[in-house]
Amino acid sequence: MKITNKKYALTAALQAGAAHEFALIKSHRQFKREAVEKKPYKPGSIGPSVVATAISEAFHGLILNRSERKRLAKINGTPFQKIYAQG
């Protein structure tokens, strides 16, 4: 189709620009997330972690943080044992 009138050409160009902007807006749209089926966490419901239990067993009931465990290993002359979470 050939556009002979400048007014129609301007209208077509404006509509094309608006359609392009509308398409960009639609393409960048964020969709709603689906509802999570997991039950919400209740504090204290799962008990102590594997790491806390391992540290407690290794240090006779004490829960020491990493820097304190490193300092204690340096004082005793034993190598520092790293305790990681499995999973």
PDB file of N, CA and C in Angstrom:
ATOM      1  N   MET A   1       0.838  -1.182   0.000  1.00  0.00           N
ATOM      2  CA  MET A   1       0.000   0.000   0.000  1.00  0.00           C
ATOM      3  C   MET A   1       0.879   1.241   0.000  1.00  0.00           C
ATOM      4  N   LYS A   2       0.588   2.141  -0.889  1.00  0.00           N
ATOM      5  CA  LYS A   2       1.362   3.356  -1.034  1.00  0.00           C
ATOM      6  C   LYS A   2       0.617   4.518  -0.371  1.00  0.00           C
ATOM      7  N   ILE A   3       1.327   5.270   0.489  1.00  0.00           N
ATOM      8  CA  ILE A   3       0.714   6.418   1.172  1.00  0.00           C
ATOM      9  C   ILE A   3       1.086   7.666   0.383  1.00  0.00           C
ATOM     10  N   THR A   4       0.063   8.362  -0.104  1.00  0.00           N
ATOM     11  CA  THR A   4       0.306   9.539  -0.941  1.00  0.00           C
ATOM     12  C   THR A   4       0.197  10.842  -0.162  1.00  0.00           C
ATOM     13  N   ASN A   5      -0.535  10.852   0.934  1.00  0.00           N
ATOM     14  CA  ASN A   5      -0.770  12.060   1.686  1.00  0.00           C
ATOM     15  C   ASN A   5       0.202  12.127   2.870  1.00  0.00           C
ATOM     16  N   LYS A   6       0.794  13.311   3.122  1.00  0.00           N
ATOM     17  CA  LYS A   6       1.744  13.458   4.227  1.00  0.00           C
ATOM     18  C   LYS A   6       1.055  13.284   5.577  1.00  0.00           C
ATOM     19  N   LYS A   7      -0.200  13.712   5.658  1.00  0.00           N
ATOM     20  CA  LYS A   7      -0.950  13.579   6.908  1.00  0.00           C
ATOM     21  C   LYS A   7      -1.130  12.098   7.254  1.00  0.00           C
ATOM     22  N   TYR A   8      -1.476  11.278   6.272  1.00  0.00           N
ATOM     23  CA  TYR A   8      -1.657   9.857   6.504  1.00  0.00           C
ATOM     24  C   TYR A   8      -0.327   9.177   6.837  1.00  0.00           C
ATOM     25  N   ALA A   9       0.730   9.658   6.217  1.00  0.00           N
ATOM     26  CA  ALA A   9       2.063   9.107   6.486  1.00  0.00           C
ATOM     27  C   ALA A   9       2.464   9.388   7.934  1.00  0.00           C
ATOM     28  N   LEU A  10       2.175  10.618   8.408  1.00  0.00           N
ATOM     29  CA  LEU A  10       2.488  10.973   9.790  1.00  0.00           C
ATOM     30  C   LEU A  10       1.662  10.124  10.768  1.00  0.00           C
ATOM     31  N   THR A  11       0.378   9.962  10.478  1.00  0.00           N
ATOM     32  CA  THR A  11      -0.489   9.153  11.333  1.00  0.00           C
ATOM     33  C   THR A  11       0.011   7.709  11.396  1.00  0.00           C
ATOM     34  N   ALA A  12       0.390   7.155  10.274  1.00  0.00           N
ATOM     35  CA  ALA A  12       0.890   5.784  10.218  1.00  0.00           C
ATOM     36  C   ALA A  12       2.194   5.649  11.005  1.00  0.00           C
ATOM     37  N   ALA A  13       3.079   6.649  10.874  1.00  0.00           N
ATOM     38  CA  ALA A  13       4.351   6.608  11.603  1.00  0.00           C
ATOM     39  C   ALA A  13       4.126   6.694  13.105  1.00  0.00           C
ATOM     40  N   LEU A  14       3.213   7.575  13.536  1.00  0.00           N
ATOM     41  CA  LEU A  14       2.923   7.713  14.962  1.00  0.00           C
ATOM     42  C   LEU A  14       2.314   6.426  15.521  1.00  0.00           C
ATOM     43  N   GLN A  15       1.410   5.833  14.742  1.00  0.00           N
ATOM     44  CA  GLN A  15       0.788   4.580  15.189  1.00  0.00           C
ATOM     45  C   GLN A  15       1.818   3.453  15.265  1.00  0.00           C
ATOM     46  N   ALA A  16       2.740   3.429  14.332  1.00  0.00           N
ATOM     47  CA  ALA A  16       3.774   2.395  14.335  1.00  0.00           C
ATOM     48  C   ALA A  16       4.684   2.563  15.552  1.00  0.00           C
ATOM     49  N   GLY A  17       5.031   3.822  15.860  1.00  0.00           N
ATOM     50  CA  GLY A  17       5.865   4.083  17.038  1.00  0.00           C
ATOM     51  C   GLY A  17       5.153   3.687  18.325  1.00  0.00           C
ATOM     52  N   ALA A  18       3.870   4.027  18.424  1.00  0.00           N
ATOM     53  CA  ALA A  18       3.093   3.680  19.609  1.00  0.00           C
ATOM     54  C   ALA A  18       2.959   2.161  19.738  1.00  0.00           C
ATOM     55  N   ALA A  19       2.742   1.501  18.619  1.00  0.00           N
ATOM     56  CA  ALA A  19       2.623   0.041  18.640  1.00  0.00           C
ATOM     57  C   ALA A  19       3.946  -0.596  19.070  1.00  0.00           C
ATOM     58  N   HIS A  20       5.050  -0.020  18.609  1.00  0.00           N
ATOM     59  CA  HIS A  20       6.366  -0.540  18.980  1.00  0.00           C
ATOM     60  C   HIS A  20       6.599  -0.365  20.486  1.00  0.00           C
ATOM     61  N   GLU A  21       6.290   0.817  21.015  1.00  0.00           N
ATOM     62  CA  GLU A  21       6.450   1.066  22.448  1.00  0.00           C
ATOM     63  C   GLU A  21       5.551   0.133  23.264  1.00  0.00           C
ATOM     64  N   PHE A  22       4.322  -0.063  22.816  1.00  0.00           N
ATOM     65  CA  PHE A  22       3.394  -0.948  23.501  1.00  0.00           C
ATOM     66  C   PHE A  22       3.931  -2.386  23.516  1.00  0.00           C
ATOM     67  N   ALA A  23       4.498  -2.822  22.395  1.00  0.00           N
ATOM     68  CA  ALA A  23       5.063  -4.171  22.316  1.00  0.00           C
ATOM     69  C   ALA A  23       6.251  -4.315  23.262  1.00  0.00           C
ATOM     70  N   LEU A  24       7.086  -3.270  23.371  1.00  0.00           N
ATOM     71  CA  LEU A  24       8.214  -3.316  24.300  1.00  0.00           C
ATOM     72  C   LEU A  24       7.738  -3.404  25.745  1.00  0.00           C
ATOM     73  N   ILE A  25       6.731  -2.615  26.084  1.00  0.00           N
ATOM     74  CA  ILE A  25       6.181  -2.644  27.439  1.00  0.00           C
ATOM     75  C   ILE A  25       5.648  -4.033  27.758  1.00  0.00           C
ATOM     76  N   LYS A  26       4.914  -4.617  26.809  1.00  0.00           N
ATOM     77  CA  LYS A  26       4.356  -5.949  27.029  1.00  0.00           C
ATOM     78  C   LYS A  26       5.451  -7.012  27.141  1.00  0.00           C
ATOM     79  N   SER A  27       6.520  -6.867  26.364  1.00  0.00           N
ATOM     80  CA  SER A  27       7.579  -7.879  26.388  1.00  0.00           C
ATOM     81  C   SER A  27       8.403  -7.808  27.674  1.00  0.00           C
ATOM     82  N   HIS A  28       8.481  -6.634  28.301  1.00  0.00           N
ATOM     83  CA  HIS A  28       9.255  -6.478  29.534  1.00  0.00           C
ATOM     84  C   HIS A  28       8.406  -6.662  30.784  1.00  0.00           C
ATOM     85  N   ARG A  29       7.178  -7.062  30.612  1.00  0.00           N
ATOM     86  CA  ARG A  29       6.258  -7.209  31.733  1.00  0.00           C
ATOM     87  C   ARG A  29       6.699  -8.346  32.643  1.00  0.00           C
ATOM     88  N   GLN A  30       6.627  -8.128  33.935  1.00  0.00           N
ATOM     89  CA  GLN A  30       6.942  -9.181  34.893  1.00  0.00           C
ATOM     90  C   GLN A  30       5.653  -9.911  35.250  1.00  0.00           C
ATOM     91  N   PHE A  31       5.724 -11.216  35.160  1.00  0.00           N
ATOM     92  CA  PHE A  31       4.546 -12.016  35.438  1.00  0.00           C
ATOM     93  C   PHE A  31       4.434 -12.299  36.931  1.00  0.00           C
ATOM     94  N   LYS A  32       3.234 -12.556  37.383  1.00  0.00           N
ATOM     95  CA  LYS A  32       3.027 -12.912  38.778  1.00  0.00           C
ATOM     96  C   LYS A  32       3.683 -14.254  39.051  1.00  0.00           C
ATOM     97  N   ARG A  33       4.246 -14.376  40.237  1.00  0.00           N
ATOM     98  CA  ARG A  33       4.838 -15.652  40.622  1.00  0.00           C
ATOM     99  C   ARG A  33       3.742 -16.595  41.077  1.00  0.00           C
ATOM    100  N   GLU A  34       3.983 -17.863  40.855  1.00  0.00           N
ATOM    101  CA  GLU A  34       3.012 -18.859  41.297  1.00  0.00           C
ATOM    102  C   GLU A  34       3.093 -19.006  42.811  1.00  0.00           C
ATOM    103  N   ALA A  35       1.999 -19.398  43.417  1.00  0.00           N
ATOM    104  CA  ALA A  35       1.952 -19.561  44.864  1.00  0.00           C
ATOM    105  C   ALA A  35       2.904 -20.669  45.294  1.00  0.00           C
ATOM    106  N   VAL A  36       3.602 -20.444  46.378  1.00  0.00           N
ATOM    107  CA  VAL A  36       4.549 -21.418  46.901  1.00  0.00           C
ATOM    108  C   VAL A  36       3.783 -22.469  47.698  1.00  0.00           C
ATOM    109  N   GLU A  37       4.085 -23.733  47.436  1.00  0.00           N
ATOM    110  CA  GLU A  37       3.391 -24.819  48.103  1.00  0.00           C
ATOM    111  C   GLU A  37       4.070 -25.233  49.410  1.00  0.00           C
ATOM    112  N   LYS A  38       5.282 -24.690  49.660  1.00  0.00           N
ATOM    113  CA  LYS A  38       5.991 -25.035  50.881  1.00  0.00           C
ATOM    114  C   LYS A  38       5.280 -24.450  52.095  1.00  0.00           C
ATOM    115  N   LYS A  39       5.333 -25.171  53.196  1.00  0.00           N
ATOM    116  CA  LYS A  39       4.779 -24.646  54.436  1.00  0.00           C
ATOM    117  C   LYS A  39       5.752 -23.619  55.005  1.00  0.00           C
ATOM    118  N   PRO A  40       5.259 -22.544  55.614  1.00  0.00           N
ATOM    119  CA  PRO A  40       6.165 -21.543  56.180  1.00  0.00           C
ATOM    120  C   PRO A  40       6.964 -22.110  57.348  1.00  0.00           C
ATOM    121  N   TYR A  41       8.194 -21.655  57.484  1.00  0.00           N
ATOM    122  CA  TYR A  41       9.082 -22.124  58.545  1.00  0.00           C
ATOM    123  C   TYR A  41       8.620 -21.573  59.894  1.00  0.00           C
ATOM    124  N   LYS A  42       8.559 -22.444  60.872  1.00  0.00           N
ATOM    125  CA  LYS A  42       8.251 -22.032  62.240  1.00  0.00           C
ATOM    126  C   LYS A  42       9.531 -22.181  63.051  1.00  0.00           C
ATOM    127  N   PRO A  43      10.028 -21.084  63.640  1.00  0.00           N
ATOM    128  CA  PRO A  43      11.280 -21.171  64.398  1.00  0.00           C
ATOM    129  C   PRO A  43      11.210 -22.231  65.495  1.00  0.00           C
ATOM    130  N   GLY A  44      12.283 -22.996  65.598  1.00  0.00           N
ATOM    131  CA  GLY A  44      12.364 -24.027  66.617  1.00  0.00           C
ATOM    132  C   GLY A  44      11.705 -25.333  66.239  1.00  0.00           C
ATOM    133  N   SER A  45      11.212 -25.434  65.008  1.00  0.00           N
ATOM    134  CA  SER A  45      10.485 -26.648  64.640  1.00  0.00           C
ATOM    135  C   SER A  45      11.391 -27.748  64.104  1.00  0.00           C
ATOM    136  N   ILE A  46      12.594 -27.409  63.654  1.00  0.00           N
ATOM    137  CA  ILE A  46      13.444 -28.448  63.070  1.00  0.00           C
ATOM    138  C   ILE A  46      14.607 -28.852  63.976  1.00  0.00           C
ATOM    139  N   GLY A  47      14.776 -28.197  65.092  1.00  0.00           N
ATOM    140  CA  GLY A  47      15.839 -28.562  66.019  1.00  0.00           C
ATOM    141  C   GLY A  47      17.177 -27.988  65.597  1.00  0.00           C
ATOM    142  N   PRO A  48      18.252 -28.352  66.308  1.00  0.00           N
ATOM    143  CA  PRO A  48      19.575 -27.810  65.982  1.00  0.00           C
ATOM    144  C   PRO A  48      20.086 -28.343  64.648  1.00  0.00           C
ATOM    145  N   SER A  49      20.886 -27.531  63.979  1.00  0.00           N
ATOM    146  CA  SER A  49      21.412 -27.931  62.674  1.00  0.00           C
ATOM    147  C   SER A  49      22.505 -28.987  62.829  1.00  0.00           C
ATOM    148  N   VAL A  50      22.857 -29.581  61.717  1.00  0.00           N
ATOM    149  CA  VAL A  50      23.906 -30.610  61.694  1.00  0.00           C
ATOM    150  C   VAL A  50      25.238 -30.006  62.121  1.00  0.00           C
ATOM    151  N   VAL A  51      25.509 -28.774  61.673  1.00  0.00           N
ATOM    152  CA  VAL A  51      26.769 -28.111  61.997  1.00  0.00           C
ATOM    153  C   VAL A  51      26.838 -27.813  63.494  1.00  0.00           C
ATOM    154  N   ALA A  52      25.756 -27.271  64.053  1.00  0.00           N
ATOM    155  CA  ALA A  52      25.746 -26.945  65.481  1.00  0.00           C
ATOM    156  C   ALA A  52      25.921 -28.203  66.319  1.00  0.00           C
ATOM    157  N   THR A  53      25.294 -29.296  65.917  1.00  0.00           N
ATOM    158  CA  THR A  53      25.422 -30.557  66.636  1.00  0.00           C
ATOM    159  C   THR A  53      26.860 -31.071  66.574  1.00  0.00           C
ATOM    160  N   ALA A  54      27.487 -30.987  65.386  1.00  0.00           N
ATOM    161  CA  ALA A  54      28.867 -31.459  65.223  1.00  0.00           C
ATOM    162  C   ALA A  54      29.833 -30.621  66.061  1.00  0.00           C
ATOM    163  N   ILE A  55      29.645 -29.301  66.078  1.00  0.00           N
ATOM    164  CA  ILE A  55      30.521 -28.417  66.871  1.00  0.00           C
ATOM    165  C   ILE A  55      30.330 -28.714  68.355  1.00  0.00           C
ATOM    166  N   SER A  56      29.085 -28.895  68.767  1.00  0.00           N
ATOM    167  CA  SER A  56      28.791 -29.188  70.169  1.00  0.00           C
ATOM    168  C   SER A  56      29.445 -30.493  70.606  1.00  0.00           C
ATOM    169  N   GLU A  57      29.413 -31.521  69.752  1.00  0.00           N
ATOM    170  CA  GLU A  57      30.038 -32.804  70.081  1.00  0.00           C
ATOM    171  C   GLU A  57      31.559 -32.688  70.114  1.00  0.00           C
ATOM    172  N   ALA A  58      32.134 -31.925  69.191  1.00  0.00           N
ATOM    173  CA  ALA A  58      33.591 -31.801  69.115  1.00  0.00           C
ATOM    174  C   ALA A  58      34.159 -31.000  70.285  1.00  0.00           C
ATOM    175  N   PHE A  59      33.397 -30.042  70.809  1.00  0.00           N
ATOM    176  CA  PHE A  59      33.899 -29.178  71.873  1.00  0.00           C
ATOM    177  C   PHE A  59      33.156 -29.389  73.191  1.00  0.00           C
ATOM    178  N   HIS A  60      32.671 -30.602  73.408  1.00  0.00           N
ATOM    179  CA  HIS A  60      32.088 -31.024  74.692  1.00  0.00           C
ATOM    180  C   HIS A  60      30.953 -30.118  75.150  1.00  0.00           C
ATOM    181  N   GLY A  61      29.978 -29.908  74.265  1.00  0.00           N
ATOM    182  CA  GLY A  61      28.770 -29.171  74.641  1.00  0.00           C
ATOM    183  C   GLY A  61      28.829 -27.675  74.407  1.00  0.00           C
ATOM    184  N   LEU A  62      29.985 -27.131  74.019  1.00  0.00           N
ATOM    185  CA  LEU A  62      30.086 -25.692  73.763  1.00  0.00           C
ATOM    186  C   LEU A  62      29.855 -25.395  72.290  1.00  0.00           C
ATOM    187  N   ILE A  63      29.153 -24.313  72.009  1.00  0.00           N
ATOM    188  CA  ILE A  63      28.991 -23.849  70.628  1.00  0.00           C
ATOM    189  C   ILE A  63      29.932 -22.668  70.451  1.00  0.00           C
ATOM    190  N   LEU A  64      31.058 -22.904  69.805  1.00  0.00           N
ATOM    191  CA  LEU A  64      32.044 -21.851  69.567  1.00  0.00           C
ATOM    192  C   LEU A  64      31.958 -21.404  68.119  1.00  0.00           C
ATOM    193  N   ASN A  65      32.171 -20.098  67.894  1.00  0.00           N
ATOM    194  CA  ASN A  65      32.179 -19.641  66.514  1.00  0.00           C
ATOM    195  C   ASN A  65      33.522 -19.979  65.872  1.00  0.00           C
ATOM    196  N   ARG A  66      33.623 -19.709  64.593  1.00  0.00           N
ATOM    197  CA  ARG A  66      34.780 -20.163  63.812  1.00  0.00           C
ATOM    198  C   ARG A  66      36.092 -19.561  64.323  1.00  0.00           C
ATOM    199  N   SER A  67      36.080 -18.263  64.615  1.00  0.00           N
ATOM    200  CA  SER A  67      37.327 -17.617  65.052  1.00  0.00           C
ATOM    201  C   SER A  67      37.785 -18.177  66.398  1.00  0.00           C
ATOM    202  N   GLU A  68      36.849 -18.446  67.306  1.00  0.00           N
ATOM    203  CA  GLU A  68      37.220 -19.032  68.600  1.00  0.00           C
ATOM    204  C   GLU A  68      37.761 -20.450  68.426  1.00  0.00           C
ATOM    205  N   ARG A  69      37.160 -21.225  67.505  1.00  0.00           N
ATOM    206  CA  ARG A  69      37.663 -22.582  67.253  1.00  0.00           C
ATOM    207  C   ARG A  69      39.056 -22.538  66.640  1.00  0.00           C
ATOM    208  N   LYS A  70      39.314 -21.562  65.767  1.00  0.00           N
ATOM    209  CA  LYS A  70      40.657 -21.431  65.165  1.00  0.00           C
ATOM    210  C   LYS A  70      41.692 -21.057  66.224  1.00  0.00           C
ATOM    211  N   ARG A  71      41.311 -20.114  67.096  1.00  0.00           N
ATOM    212  CA  ARG A  71      42.222 -19.682  68.155  1.00  0.00           C
ATOM    213  C   ARG A  71      42.527 -20.837  69.108  1.00  0.00           C
ATOM    214  N   LEU A  72      41.511 -21.611  69.461  1.00  0.00           N
ATOM    215  CA  LEU A  72      41.703 -22.759  70.341  1.00  0.00           C
ATOM    216  C   LEU A  72      42.610 -23.815  69.695  1.00  0.00           C
ATOM    217  N   ALA A  73      42.435 -24.049  68.391  1.00  0.00           N
ATOM    218  CA  ALA A  73      43.292 -25.007  67.677  1.00  0.00           C
ATOM    219  C   ALA A  73      44.742 -24.521  67.655  1.00  0.00           C
ATOM    220  N   LYS A  74      44.942 -23.206  67.505  1.00  0.00           N
ATOM    221  CA  LYS A  74      46.296 -22.651  67.476  1.00  0.00           C
ATOM    222  C   LYS A  74      46.961 -22.788  68.851  1.00  0.00           C
ATOM    223  N   ILE A  75      46.189 -22.546  69.912  1.00  0.00           N
ATOM    224  CA  ILE A  75      46.722 -22.662  71.272  1.00  0.00           C
ATOM    225  C   ILE A  75      47.090 -24.111  71.582  1.00  0.00           C
ATOM    226  N   ASN A  76      46.233 -25.046  71.213  1.00  0.00           N
ATOM    227  CA  ASN A  76      46.479 -26.468  71.496  1.00  0.00           C
ATOM    228  C   ASN A  76      47.498 -27.090  70.553  1.00  0.00           C
ATOM    229  N   GLY A  77      47.792 -26.428  69.434  1.00  0.00           N
ATOM    230  CA  GLY A  77      48.751 -26.978  68.474  1.00  0.00           C
ATOM    231  C   GLY A  77      48.165 -28.056  67.584  1.00  0.00           C
ATOM    232  N   THR A  78      46.844 -28.110  67.509  1.00  0.00           N
ATOM    233  CA  THR A  78      46.185 -29.097  66.647  1.00  0.00           C
ATOM    234  C   THR A  78      45.707 -28.398  65.374  1.00  0.00           C
ATOM    235  N   PRO A  79      45.615 -29.142  64.276  1.00  0.00           N
ATOM    236  CA  PRO A  79      45.113 -28.504  63.045  1.00  0.00           C
ATOM    237  C   PRO A  79      43.639 -28.148  63.183  1.00  0.00           C
ATOM    238  N   PHE A  80      43.265 -27.050  62.545  1.00  0.00           N
ATOM    239  CA  PHE A  80      41.866 -26.580  62.606  1.00  0.00           C
ATOM    240  C   PHE A  80      40.975 -27.496  61.770  1.00  0.00           C
ATOM    241  N   GLN A  81      39.936 -28.007  62.358  1.00  0.00           N
ATOM    242  CA  GLN A  81      38.998 -28.901  61.663  1.00  0.00           C
ATOM    243  C   GLN A  81      37.804 -28.080  61.184  1.00  0.00           C
ATOM    244  N   LYS A  82      37.618 -28.057  59.881  1.00  0.00           N
ATOM    245  CA  LYS A  82      36.481 -27.340  59.305  1.00  0.00           C
ATOM    246  C   LYS A  82      35.244 -28.219  59.364  1.00  0.00           C
ATOM    247  N   ILE A  83      34.121 -27.628  59.741  1.00  0.00           N
ATOM    248  CA  ILE A  83      32.858 -28.380  59.815  1.00  0.00           C
ATOM    249  C   ILE A  83      31.895 -27.735  58.842  1.00  0.00           C
ATOM    250  N   TYR A  84      31.438 -28.505  57.875  1.00  0.00           N
ATOM    251  CA  TYR A  84      30.555 -28.005  56.831  1.00  0.00           C
ATOM    252  C   TYR A  84      29.168 -28.610  56.956  1.00  0.00           C
ATOM    253  N   ALA A  85      28.204 -27.895  56.409  1.00  0.00           N
ATOM    254  CA  ALA A  85      26.842 -28.418  56.345  1.00  0.00           C
ATOM    255  C   ALA A  85      26.741 -29.354  55.145  1.00  0.00           C
ATOM    256  N   GLN A  86      26.119 -30.475  55.315  1.00  0.00           N
ATOM    257  CA  GLN A  86      25.890 -31.392  54.202  1.00  0.00           C
ATOM    258  C   GLN A  86      24.544 -31.078  53.589  1.00  0.00           C
ATOM    259  N   GLY A  87      24.506 -31.071  52.267  1.00  0.00           N
ATOM    260  CA  GLY A  87      23.214 -30.956  51.650  1.00  0.00           C
ATOM    261  C   GLY A  87      23.036 -29.724  50.906  1.00  0.00           C
TER     262      GLY A  87
END
